[in-house]
């Protein structure tokens, strides 16, 4: 089984435009993993996403729920034990990416 961690930019890209990113997320037979913690990031940028996508709030919500069908949400408690190792790997480069590296470590898979 193919497993790939997607970062928030990938998920938001799929929300913003009907692009190859959205096509890949919805058509590949891959388990895409997304840390639950990152939903705060999407909420934080929701207005920007709405503006860039030109979607109404209702259209956004429908698309958001549709895309979630293709993503496995990983609870924070599953990946928290990998946070320290992840911080050693990438924390000095970009602290915001440690959650994705921790998820990849937990499932021994790549990050998109």
C-alpha atoms as a PDB file:
ATOM      1  CA  UNK A   1       0.000   0.000   0.000  1.00  0.00           C
ATOM      2  CA  UNK A   2       1.343   3.415  -0.934  1.00  0.00           C
ATOM      3  CA  UNK A   3       1.312   6.018   1.808  1.00  0.00           C
ATOM      4  CA  UNK A   4       2.314   9.674   1.474  1.00  0.00           C
ATOM      5  CA  UNK A   5       2.109  12.516   3.977  1.00  0.00           C
ATOM      6  CA  UNK A   6       0.730  15.690   2.431  1.00  0.00           C
ATOM      7  CA  UNK A   7       1.595  19.055   3.868  1.00  0.00           C
ATOM      8  CA  UNK A   8      -0.851  21.895   4.331  1.00  0.00           C
ATOM      9  CA  UNK A   9       0.226  23.685   1.161  1.00  0.00           C
ATOM     10  CA  UNK A  10      -0.728  20.650  -0.919  1.00  0.00           C
ATOM     11  CA  UNK A  11      -4.151  20.410   0.688  1.00  0.00           C
ATOM     12  CA  UNK A  12      -4.751  24.152   0.344  1.00  0.00           C
ATOM     13  CA  UNK A  13      -3.612  24.048  -3.282  1.00  0.00           C
ATOM     14  CA  UNK A  14      -6.264  21.413  -3.982  1.00  0.00           C
ATOM     15  CA  UNK A  15      -8.838  23.695  -2.368  1.00  0.00           C
ATOM     16  CA  UNK A  16      -7.797  26.780  -4.313  1.00  0.00           C
ATOM     17  CA  UNK A  17      -7.776  25.472  -7.855  1.00  0.00           C
ATOM     18  CA  UNK A  18      -9.006  22.568  -9.918  1.00  0.00           C
ATOM     19  CA  UNK A  19      -5.479  21.540 -10.778  1.00  0.00           C
ATOM     20  CA  UNK A  20      -3.248  18.519 -11.137  1.00  0.00           C
ATOM     21  CA  UNK A  21      -2.847  18.557  -7.334  1.00  0.00           C
ATOM     22  CA  UNK A  22      -6.573  18.070  -6.838  1.00  0.00           C
ATOM     23  CA  UNK A  23      -6.651  15.468  -9.607  1.00  0.00           C
ATOM     24  CA  UNK A  24      -3.815  13.491  -7.988  1.00  0.00           C
ATOM     25  CA  UNK A  25      -5.391  13.641  -4.533  1.00  0.00           C
ATOM     26  CA  UNK A  26      -8.720  12.386  -5.768  1.00  0.00           C
ATOM     27  CA  UNK A  27      -7.611   9.794  -8.321  1.00  0.00           C
ATOM     28  CA  UNK A  28      -4.454   8.084  -7.143  1.00  0.00           C
ATOM     29  CA  UNK A  29      -4.823   4.902  -5.151  1.00  0.00           C
ATOM     30  CA  UNK A  30      -2.640   6.227  -2.339  1.00  0.00           C
ATOM     31  CA  UNK A  31      -3.308   6.695   1.357  1.00  0.00           C
ATOM     32  CA  UNK A  32      -2.651  10.378   1.850  1.00  0.00           C
ATOM     33  CA  UNK A  33      -1.948  11.204   5.486  1.00  0.00           C
ATOM     34  CA  UNK A  34      -2.625  14.599   7.027  1.00  0.00           C
ATOM     35  CA  UNK A  35      -1.876  15.570  10.649  1.00  0.00           C
ATOM     36  CA  UNK A  36      -5.034  16.719  12.433  1.00  0.00           C
ATOM     37  CA  UNK A  37      -3.088  19.583  14.005  1.00  0.00           C
ATOM     38  CA  UNK A  38      -2.809  21.243  10.598  1.00  0.00           C
ATOM     39  CA  UNK A  39      -6.542  21.859  10.274  1.00  0.00           C
ATOM     40  CA  UNK A  40      -5.912  24.963  12.383  1.00  0.00           C
ATOM     41  CA  UNK A  41      -3.682  26.223   9.564  1.00  0.00           C
ATOM     42  CA  UNK A  42      -6.403  25.716   6.993  1.00  0.00           C
ATOM     43  CA  UNK A  43      -8.892  27.541   9.191  1.00  0.00           C
ATOM     44  CA  UNK A  44      -6.368  30.338   9.688  1.00  0.00           C
ATOM     45  CA  UNK A  45      -6.078  30.829   5.917  1.00  0.00           C
ATOM     46  CA  UNK A  46      -9.679  30.078   4.997  1.00  0.00           C
ATOM     47  CA  UNK A  47     -10.460  33.637   3.915  1.00  0.00           C
ATOM     48  CA  UNK A  48      -7.367  33.708   1.697  1.00  0.00           C
ATOM     49  CA  UNK A  49      -8.392  30.376   0.185  1.00  0.00           C
ATOM     50  CA  UNK A  50     -11.901  31.677  -0.479  1.00  0.00           C
ATOM     51  CA  UNK A  51     -10.523  34.805  -2.130  1.00  0.00           C
ATOM     52  CA  UNK A  52      -8.001  32.944  -4.309  1.00  0.00           C
ATOM     53  CA  UNK A  53     -10.377  30.137  -5.262  1.00  0.00           C
ATOM     54  CA  UNK A  54     -13.357  32.439  -5.856  1.00  0.00           C
ATOM     55  CA  UNK A  55     -15.508  29.806  -4.174  1.00  0.00           C
ATOM     56  CA  UNK A  56     -18.492  30.687  -2.061  1.00  0.00           C
ATOM     57  CA  UNK A  57     -18.430  29.504   1.532  1.00  0.00           C
ATOM     58  CA  UNK A  58     -20.889  26.742   0.634  1.00  0.00           C
ATOM     59  CA  UNK A  59     -18.808  25.623  -2.375  1.00  0.00           C
ATOM     60  CA  UNK A  60     -15.689  25.685  -0.214  1.00  0.00           C
ATOM     61  CA  UNK A  61     -17.324  23.515   2.457  1.00  0.00           C
ATOM     62  CA  UNK A  62     -18.519  20.972  -0.121  1.00  0.00           C
ATOM     63  CA  UNK A  63     -15.090  20.759  -1.741  1.00  0.00           C
ATOM     64  CA  UNK A  64     -13.363  20.604   1.657  1.00  0.00           C
ATOM     65  CA  UNK A  65     -15.508  17.651   2.731  1.00  0.00           C
ATOM     66  CA  UNK A  66     -15.031  15.984  -0.653  1.00  0.00           C
ATOM     67  CA  UNK A  67     -11.239  16.238  -0.402  1.00  0.00           C
ATOM     68  CA  UNK A  68     -11.262  14.910   3.142  1.00  0.00           C
ATOM     69  CA  UNK A  69     -12.622  11.618   1.771  1.00  0.00           C
ATOM     70  CA  UNK A  70      -9.223  11.083   0.147  1.00  0.00           C
ATOM     71  CA  UNK A  71      -7.137  11.931   3.185  1.00  0.00           C
ATOM     72  CA  UNK A  72      -6.521   9.929   6.340  1.00  0.00           C
ATOM     73  CA  UNK A  73      -6.385  12.278   9.296  1.00  0.00           C
ATOM     74  CA  UNK A  74      -3.656  11.349  11.750  1.00  0.00           C
ATOM     75  CA  UNK A  75      -4.322  12.201  15.398  1.00  0.00           C
ATOM     76  CA  UNK A  76      -1.598  14.168  17.160  1.00  0.00           C
ATOM     77  CA  UNK A  77      -1.159  11.495  19.827  1.00  0.00           C
ATOM     78  CA  UNK A  78      -0.054   9.015  17.139  1.00  0.00           C
ATOM     79  CA  UNK A  79       2.817  11.206  15.969  1.00  0.00           C
ATOM     80  CA  UNK A  80       3.799  13.136  19.094  1.00  0.00           C
ATOM     81  CA  UNK A  81       6.419  10.547  20.103  1.00  0.00           C
ATOM     82  CA  UNK A  82       8.277  11.314  16.837  1.00  0.00           C
ATOM     83  CA  UNK A  83       8.291  15.067  17.408  1.00  0.00           C
ATOM     84  CA  UNK A  84      11.712  15.193  19.092  1.00  0.00           C
ATOM     85  CA  UNK A  85      13.398  13.165  16.355  1.00  0.00           C
ATOM     86  CA  UNK A  86      11.619  15.251  13.738  1.00  0.00           C
ATOM     87  CA  UNK A  87      12.820  18.450  15.378  1.00  0.00           C
ATOM     88  CA  UNK A  88      16.407  17.199  15.157  1.00  0.00           C
ATOM     89  CA  UNK A  89      15.963  16.480  11.451  1.00  0.00           C
ATOM     90  CA  UNK A  90      14.248  19.649  10.274  1.00  0.00           C
ATOM     91  CA  UNK A  91      13.567  21.947  13.212  1.00  0.00           C
ATOM     92  CA  UNK A  92      16.629  24.065  12.476  1.00  0.00           C
ATOM     93  CA  UNK A  93      15.440  24.553   8.875  1.00  0.00           C
ATOM     94  CA  UNK A  94      11.684  25.047   9.314  1.00  0.00           C
ATOM     95  CA  UNK A  95      10.040  24.385  12.653  1.00  0.00           C
ATOM     96  CA  UNK A  96       6.572  24.361  11.037  1.00  0.00           C
ATOM     97  CA  UNK A  97       7.484  21.240   9.050  1.00  0.00           C
ATOM     98  CA  UNK A  98       8.330  19.103  12.070  1.00  0.00           C
ATOM     99  CA  UNK A  99       4.739  17.814  12.300  1.00  0.00           C
ATOM    100  CA  UNK A 100       4.957  16.444   8.743  1.00  0.00           C
ATOM    101  CA  UNK A 101       8.345  14.839   9.300  1.00  0.00           C
ATOM    102  CA  UNK A 102       7.029  13.305  12.531  1.00  0.00           C
ATOM    103  CA  UNK A 103       4.073  11.869  10.613  1.00  0.00           C
ATOM    104  CA  UNK A 104       6.402  10.488   7.929  1.00  0.00           C
ATOM    105  CA  UNK A 105       8.578   8.913  10.630  1.00  0.00           C
ATOM    106  CA  UNK A 106       5.538   7.364  12.320  1.00  0.00           C
ATOM    107  CA  UNK A 107       4.421   5.709   9.073  1.00  0.00           C
ATOM    108  CA  UNK A 108       7.811   5.289   7.419  1.00  0.00           C
ATOM    109  CA  UNK A 109       6.698   7.096   4.276  1.00  0.00           C
ATOM    110  CA  UNK A 110       7.575  10.118   2.118  1.00  0.00           C
ATOM    111  CA  UNK A 111       6.161  13.639   2.251  1.00  0.00           C
ATOM    112  CA  UNK A 112       4.565  15.484  -0.627  1.00  0.00           C
END
